[in-house]
Amino acid sequence: MELGFTEILVIALAIIVLFGPDKIPSIARDLGSGVRKMKGAMEDIKTEILKEADNPVAEIKREIEKVKEAAREYDPTHDLKKDLDVFGKTPIVQNKADQLTDSHEGPVSR
């Protein structure tokens, strides 16, 4: 929405008629002060919105880093190695495994 010269002139004349020429400087000061306060409030709101928008992003990034760290520390073969150590130290299990392999020598008949 653009105001042309004639529209501005009509508004200025209306202000002069309504308020008188002696009150125009104080009205202009008050109007300038109000515009400044509005700009400041808009800037504060903008900063608050950006801060709140960055909060979840930062939280998500922290969670991603936690998952990455857990993935680096995870060793899927740890439990398997532990189980193999237990089997290797148990002679009964080893003997059972030897018996199973020895009893099935030769071709399978059906």
N, C-alpha and C. Protein backbone atom coordinates (compact mmCIF):
# COMPACT_ATOMS: atom_id res chain seq x y z
N MET A 1 0.84 -1.16 0.00
CA MET A 1 0.00 0.00 0.00
C MET A 1 0.90 1.24 0.00
N GLU A 2 0.82 2.00 -1.03
CA GLU A 2 1.62 3.21 -1.14
C GLU A 2 0.73 4.43 -1.03
N LEU A 3 1.24 5.42 -0.33
CA LEU A 3 0.52 6.69 -0.22
C LEU A 3 1.13 7.68 -1.21
N GLY A 4 0.31 8.24 -2.03
CA GLY A 4 0.77 9.25 -2.96
C GLY A 4 0.87 10.61 -2.28
N PHE A 5 1.35 11.60 -3.03
CA PHE A 5 1.52 12.95 -2.47
C PHE A 5 0.18 13.54 -2.05
N THR A 6 -0.85 13.33 -2.85
CA THR A 6 -2.16 13.92 -2.52
C THR A 6 -2.74 13.31 -1.25
N GLU A 7 -2.57 11.99 -1.06
CA GLU A 7 -3.09 11.35 0.15
C GLU A 7 -2.38 11.89 1.40
N ILE A 8 -1.05 12.04 1.29
CA ILE A 8 -0.28 12.57 2.43
C ILE A 8 -0.72 14.00 2.74
N LEU A 9 -0.95 14.80 1.70
CA LEU A 9 -1.39 16.18 1.89
C LEU A 9 -2.75 16.25 2.57
N VAL A 10 -3.67 15.38 2.18
CA VAL A 10 -5.01 15.34 2.80
C VAL A 10 -4.89 14.94 4.27
N ILE A 11 -4.05 13.95 4.57
CA ILE A 11 -3.87 13.52 5.97
C ILE A 11 -3.27 14.65 6.80
N ALA A 12 -2.27 15.34 6.25
CA ALA A 12 -1.63 16.46 6.97
C ALA A 12 -2.64 17.57 7.25
N LEU A 13 -3.46 17.91 6.27
CA LEU A 13 -4.48 18.95 6.47
C LEU A 13 -5.50 18.53 7.52
N ALA A 14 -5.89 17.26 7.51
CA ALA A 14 -6.85 16.77 8.49
C ALA A 14 -6.27 16.86 9.90
N ILE A 15 -4.99 16.53 10.05
CA ILE A 15 -4.34 16.61 11.36
C ILE A 15 -4.29 18.06 11.84
N ILE A 16 -3.94 18.97 10.93
CA ILE A 16 -3.86 20.39 11.31
C ILE A 16 -5.23 20.91 11.73
N VAL A 17 -6.27 20.53 11.00
CA VAL A 17 -7.62 20.99 11.33
C VAL A 17 -8.09 20.39 12.65
N LEU A 18 -7.84 19.10 12.85
CA LEU A 18 -8.33 18.43 14.06
C LEU A 18 -7.59 18.88 15.32
N PHE A 19 -6.25 18.95 15.27
CA PHE A 19 -5.48 19.19 16.48
C PHE A 19 -4.93 20.62 16.59
N GLY A 20 -4.84 21.32 15.52
CA GLY A 20 -4.28 22.68 15.55
C GLY A 20 -2.78 22.65 15.34
N PRO A 21 -2.22 23.73 14.82
CA PRO A 21 -0.79 23.75 14.50
C PRO A 21 0.12 23.74 15.73
N ASP A 22 -0.34 24.16 16.88
CA ASP A 22 0.51 24.20 18.07
C ASP A 22 0.74 22.82 18.69
N LYS A 23 -0.14 21.84 18.44
CA LYS A 23 0.00 20.50 19.03
C LYS A 23 0.70 19.52 18.08
N ILE A 24 0.96 19.90 16.85
CA ILE A 24 1.56 18.99 15.87
C ILE A 24 2.95 18.51 16.31
N PRO A 25 3.85 19.36 16.85
CA PRO A 25 5.16 18.84 17.28
C PRO A 25 5.07 17.78 18.38
N SER A 26 4.19 17.97 19.34
CA SER A 26 4.06 16.95 20.40
C SER A 26 3.44 15.67 19.85
N ILE A 27 2.52 15.79 18.91
CA ILE A 27 1.92 14.60 18.28
C ILE A 27 2.99 13.85 17.50
N ALA A 28 3.84 14.59 16.77
CA ALA A 28 4.91 13.95 15.99
C ALA A 28 5.89 13.24 16.92
N ARG A 29 6.25 13.86 18.05
CA ARG A 29 7.15 13.22 19.02
C ARG A 29 6.52 11.94 19.57
N ASP A 30 5.26 12.03 19.95
CA ASP A 30 4.57 10.85 20.49
C ASP A 30 4.48 9.75 19.44
N LEU A 31 4.20 10.14 18.21
CA LEU A 31 4.10 9.16 17.13
C LEU A 31 5.46 8.49 16.88
N GLY A 32 6.54 9.29 16.87
CA GLY A 32 7.89 8.74 16.70
C GLY A 32 8.26 7.80 17.83
N SER A 33 7.91 8.20 19.05
CA SER A 33 8.19 7.36 20.22
C SER A 33 7.43 6.03 20.13
N GLY A 34 6.17 6.12 19.70
CA GLY A 34 5.36 4.90 19.55
C GLY A 34 5.92 3.97 18.49
N VAL A 35 6.37 4.55 17.38
CA VAL A 35 6.96 3.73 16.31
C VAL A 35 8.24 3.06 16.80
N ARG A 36 9.08 3.80 17.55
CA ARG A 36 10.31 3.24 18.10
C ARG A 36 10.01 2.08 19.05
N LYS A 37 9.01 2.26 19.91
CA LYS A 37 8.64 1.19 20.85
C LYS A 37 8.11 -0.04 20.11
N MET A 38 7.34 0.20 19.05
CA MET A 38 6.81 -0.92 18.25
C MET A 38 7.95 -1.70 17.60
N LYS A 39 8.94 -0.98 17.05
CA LYS A 39 10.08 -1.65 16.43
C LYS A 39 10.85 -2.46 17.46
N GLY A 40 11.05 -1.88 18.64
CA GLY A 40 11.74 -2.59 19.71
C GLY A 40 10.99 -3.84 20.14
N ALA A 41 9.68 -3.72 20.27
CA ALA A 41 8.86 -4.87 20.66
C ALA A 41 8.91 -5.95 19.58
N MET A 42 8.86 -5.53 18.32
CA MET A 42 8.93 -6.51 17.22
C MET A 42 10.28 -7.22 17.22
N GLU A 43 11.35 -6.49 17.51
CA GLU A 43 12.68 -7.09 17.56
C GLU A 43 12.78 -8.08 18.73
N ASP A 44 12.22 -7.71 19.88
CA ASP A 44 12.20 -8.62 21.04
C ASP A 44 11.44 -9.90 20.73
N ILE A 45 10.30 -9.75 20.09
CA ILE A 45 9.49 -10.92 19.74
C ILE A 45 10.24 -11.79 18.75
N LYS A 46 10.89 -11.17 17.79
CA LYS A 46 11.67 -11.92 16.78
C LYS A 46 12.79 -12.70 17.45
N THR A 47 13.52 -12.06 18.38
CA THR A 47 14.60 -12.75 19.08
C THR A 47 14.07 -13.90 19.92
N GLU A 48 12.96 -13.68 20.58
CA GLU A 48 12.36 -14.74 21.41
C GLU A 48 11.94 -15.92 20.56
N ILE A 49 11.33 -15.65 19.42
CA ILE A 49 10.89 -16.73 18.53
C ILE A 49 12.09 -17.51 18.01
N LEU A 50 13.15 -16.80 17.61
CA LEU A 50 14.34 -17.49 17.10
C LEU A 50 15.01 -18.31 18.20
N LYS A 51 15.01 -17.78 19.43
CA LYS A 51 15.61 -18.53 20.53
C LYS A 51 14.81 -19.80 20.81
N GLU A 52 13.50 -19.69 20.81
CA GLU A 52 12.65 -20.85 21.05
C GLU A 52 12.75 -21.85 19.90
N ALA A 53 12.93 -21.36 18.69
CA ALA A 53 13.06 -22.26 17.53
C ALA A 53 14.39 -22.99 17.58
N ASP A 54 15.44 -22.36 18.10
CA ASP A 54 16.75 -23.00 18.19
C ASP A 54 16.82 -24.00 19.33
N ASN A 55 16.00 -23.84 20.34
CA ASN A 55 16.02 -24.73 21.49
C ASN A 55 15.78 -26.19 21.11
N PRO A 56 14.69 -26.53 20.42
CA PRO A 56 14.48 -27.93 20.04
C PRO A 56 15.57 -28.45 19.12
N VAL A 57 16.07 -27.60 18.25
CA VAL A 57 17.13 -28.03 17.33
C VAL A 57 18.37 -28.42 18.12
N ALA A 58 18.74 -27.61 19.09
CA ALA A 58 19.91 -27.92 19.91
C ALA A 58 19.68 -29.20 20.71
N GLU A 59 18.47 -29.37 21.21
CA GLU A 59 18.15 -30.58 21.97
C GLU A 59 18.25 -31.82 21.08
N ILE A 60 17.75 -31.73 19.86
CA ILE A 60 17.82 -32.85 18.93
C ILE A 60 19.27 -33.15 18.59
N LYS A 61 20.08 -32.12 18.39
CA LYS A 61 21.51 -32.34 18.10
C LYS A 61 22.20 -33.04 19.25
N ARG A 62 21.86 -32.67 20.51
CA ARG A 62 22.46 -33.35 21.66
C ARG A 62 22.07 -34.82 21.69
N GLU A 63 20.80 -35.11 21.39
CA GLU A 63 20.35 -36.50 21.38
C GLU A 63 21.05 -37.30 20.29
N ILE A 64 21.24 -36.69 19.13
CA ILE A 64 21.94 -37.36 18.03
C ILE A 64 23.38 -37.67 18.44
N GLU A 65 24.04 -36.74 19.11
CA GLU A 65 25.41 -36.98 19.57
C GLU A 65 25.45 -38.11 20.60
N LYS A 66 24.45 -38.19 21.48
CA LYS A 66 24.40 -39.29 22.45
C LYS A 66 24.28 -40.63 21.74
N VAL A 67 23.42 -40.68 20.71
CA VAL A 67 23.23 -41.93 19.97
C VAL A 67 24.51 -42.30 19.23
N LYS A 68 25.18 -41.31 18.63
CA LYS A 68 26.44 -41.58 17.93
C LYS A 68 27.49 -42.13 18.89
N GLU A 69 27.57 -41.53 20.08
CA GLU A 69 28.54 -41.98 21.07
C GLU A 69 28.23 -43.40 21.52
N ALA A 70 26.95 -43.69 21.74
CA ALA A 70 26.56 -45.05 22.14
C ALA A 70 26.88 -46.04 21.02
N ALA A 71 26.69 -45.64 19.77
CA ALA A 71 27.00 -46.52 18.65
C ALA A 71 28.50 -46.78 18.56
N ARG A 72 29.32 -45.77 18.86
CA ARG A 72 30.78 -45.97 18.84
C ARG A 72 31.22 -46.92 19.95
N GLU A 73 30.57 -46.83 21.10
CA GLU A 73 30.95 -47.66 22.24
C GLU A 73 30.38 -49.08 22.17
N TYR A 74 29.38 -49.29 21.34
CA TYR A 74 28.69 -50.58 21.29
C TYR A 74 29.57 -51.62 20.59
N ASP A 75 29.72 -52.76 21.22
CA ASP A 75 30.48 -53.87 20.64
C ASP A 75 29.55 -55.07 20.57
N PRO A 76 28.99 -55.36 19.38
CA PRO A 76 28.03 -56.46 19.28
C PRO A 76 28.66 -57.83 19.52
N THR A 77 29.98 -57.93 19.39
CA THR A 77 30.62 -59.23 19.57
C THR A 77 31.02 -59.48 21.02
N HIS A 78 30.83 -58.51 21.90
CA HIS A 78 31.23 -58.67 23.30
C HIS A 78 30.53 -59.86 23.95
N ASP A 79 29.21 -59.93 23.84
CA ASP A 79 28.48 -61.04 24.45
C ASP A 79 28.85 -62.36 23.80
N LEU A 80 29.05 -62.35 22.50
CA LEU A 80 29.42 -63.57 21.78
C LEU A 80 30.79 -64.06 22.24
N LYS A 81 31.74 -63.16 22.40
CA LYS A 81 33.07 -63.54 22.88
C LYS A 81 32.98 -64.11 24.29
N LYS A 82 32.15 -63.49 25.12
CA LYS A 82 32.00 -63.97 26.49
C LYS A 82 31.40 -65.38 26.50
N ASP A 83 30.40 -65.61 25.65
CA ASP A 83 29.78 -66.93 25.56
C ASP A 83 30.77 -67.96 25.03
N LEU A 84 31.58 -67.59 24.06
CA LEU A 84 32.57 -68.52 23.51
C LEU A 84 33.63 -68.85 24.55
N ASP A 85 34.01 -67.89 25.36
CA ASP A 85 34.97 -68.17 26.43
C ASP A 85 34.39 -69.17 27.41
N VAL A 86 33.11 -69.05 27.72
CA VAL A 86 32.46 -69.99 28.64
C VAL A 86 32.44 -71.37 28.02
N PHE A 87 32.09 -71.47 26.72
CA PHE A 87 32.04 -72.77 26.05
C PHE A 87 33.44 -73.37 25.94
N GLY A 88 34.42 -72.58 25.70
CA GLY A 88 35.79 -73.08 25.56
C GLY A 88 36.32 -73.63 26.87
N LYS A 89 35.87 -73.15 27.99
CA LYS A 89 36.36 -73.58 29.30
C LYS A 89 35.55 -74.74 29.87
N THR A 90 34.45 -75.11 29.22
CA THR A 90 33.61 -76.18 29.73
C THR A 90 33.90 -77.46 28.94
N PRO A 91 34.55 -78.44 29.54
CA PRO A 91 34.91 -79.67 28.81
C PRO A 91 33.69 -80.52 28.43
N ILE A 92 32.62 -80.48 29.21
CA ILE A 92 31.44 -81.28 28.91
C ILE A 92 30.84 -80.86 27.58
N VAL A 93 30.72 -79.62 27.37
CA VAL A 93 30.15 -79.11 26.13
C VAL A 93 31.06 -79.47 24.97
N GLN A 94 32.36 -79.36 25.16
CA GLN A 94 33.31 -79.69 24.09
C GLN A 94 33.20 -81.18 23.75
N ASN A 95 33.10 -82.02 24.74
CA ASN A 95 32.98 -83.46 24.50
C ASN A 95 31.68 -83.77 23.77
N LYS A 96 30.59 -83.15 24.13
CA LYS A 96 29.31 -83.37 23.44
C LYS A 96 29.44 -82.98 21.98
N ALA A 97 30.11 -81.86 21.71
CA ALA A 97 30.28 -81.42 20.33
C ALA A 97 31.12 -82.42 19.55
N ASP A 98 32.16 -82.99 20.18
CA ASP A 98 32.99 -84.00 19.51
C ASP A 98 32.18 -85.25 19.22
N GLN A 99 31.33 -85.66 20.14
CA GLN A 99 30.51 -86.85 19.95
C GLN A 99 29.54 -86.66 18.78
N LEU A 100 28.97 -85.52 18.68
CA LEU A 100 28.04 -85.27 17.58
C LEU A 100 28.73 -85.33 16.23
N THR A 101 29.93 -84.81 16.14
CA THR A 101 30.62 -84.82 14.85
C THR A 101 31.16 -86.21 14.54
N ASP A 102 31.57 -86.99 15.53
CA ASP A 102 32.12 -88.33 15.29
C ASP A 102 31.03 -89.33 14.91
N SER A 103 29.84 -89.21 15.39
CA SER A 103 28.81 -90.21 15.16
C SER A 103 28.20 -90.14 13.77
N HIS A 104 28.44 -89.11 13.04
CA HIS A 104 27.82 -88.97 11.72
C HIS A 104 28.86 -89.00 10.61
N GLU A 105 29.74 -89.94 10.65
CA GLU A 105 30.73 -90.06 9.59
C GLU A 105 30.14 -90.83 8.43
N GLY A 106 30.53 -90.47 7.25
CA GLY A 106 30.09 -91.18 6.06
C GLY A 106 28.84 -90.58 5.47
N PRO A 107 28.39 -91.17 4.34
CA PRO A 107 27.19 -90.64 3.67
C PRO A 107 25.93 -90.94 4.47
N VAL A 108 24.95 -90.12 4.27
CA VAL A 108 23.68 -90.26 4.97
C VAL A 108 22.78 -91.14 4.13
N SER A 109 22.20 -92.17 4.73
CA SER A 109 21.28 -93.05 3.99
C SER A 109 19.86 -92.72 4.37
N ARG A 110 19.00 -92.85 3.36
CA ARG A 110 17.60 -92.53 3.62
C ARG A 110 16.73 -93.69 3.33
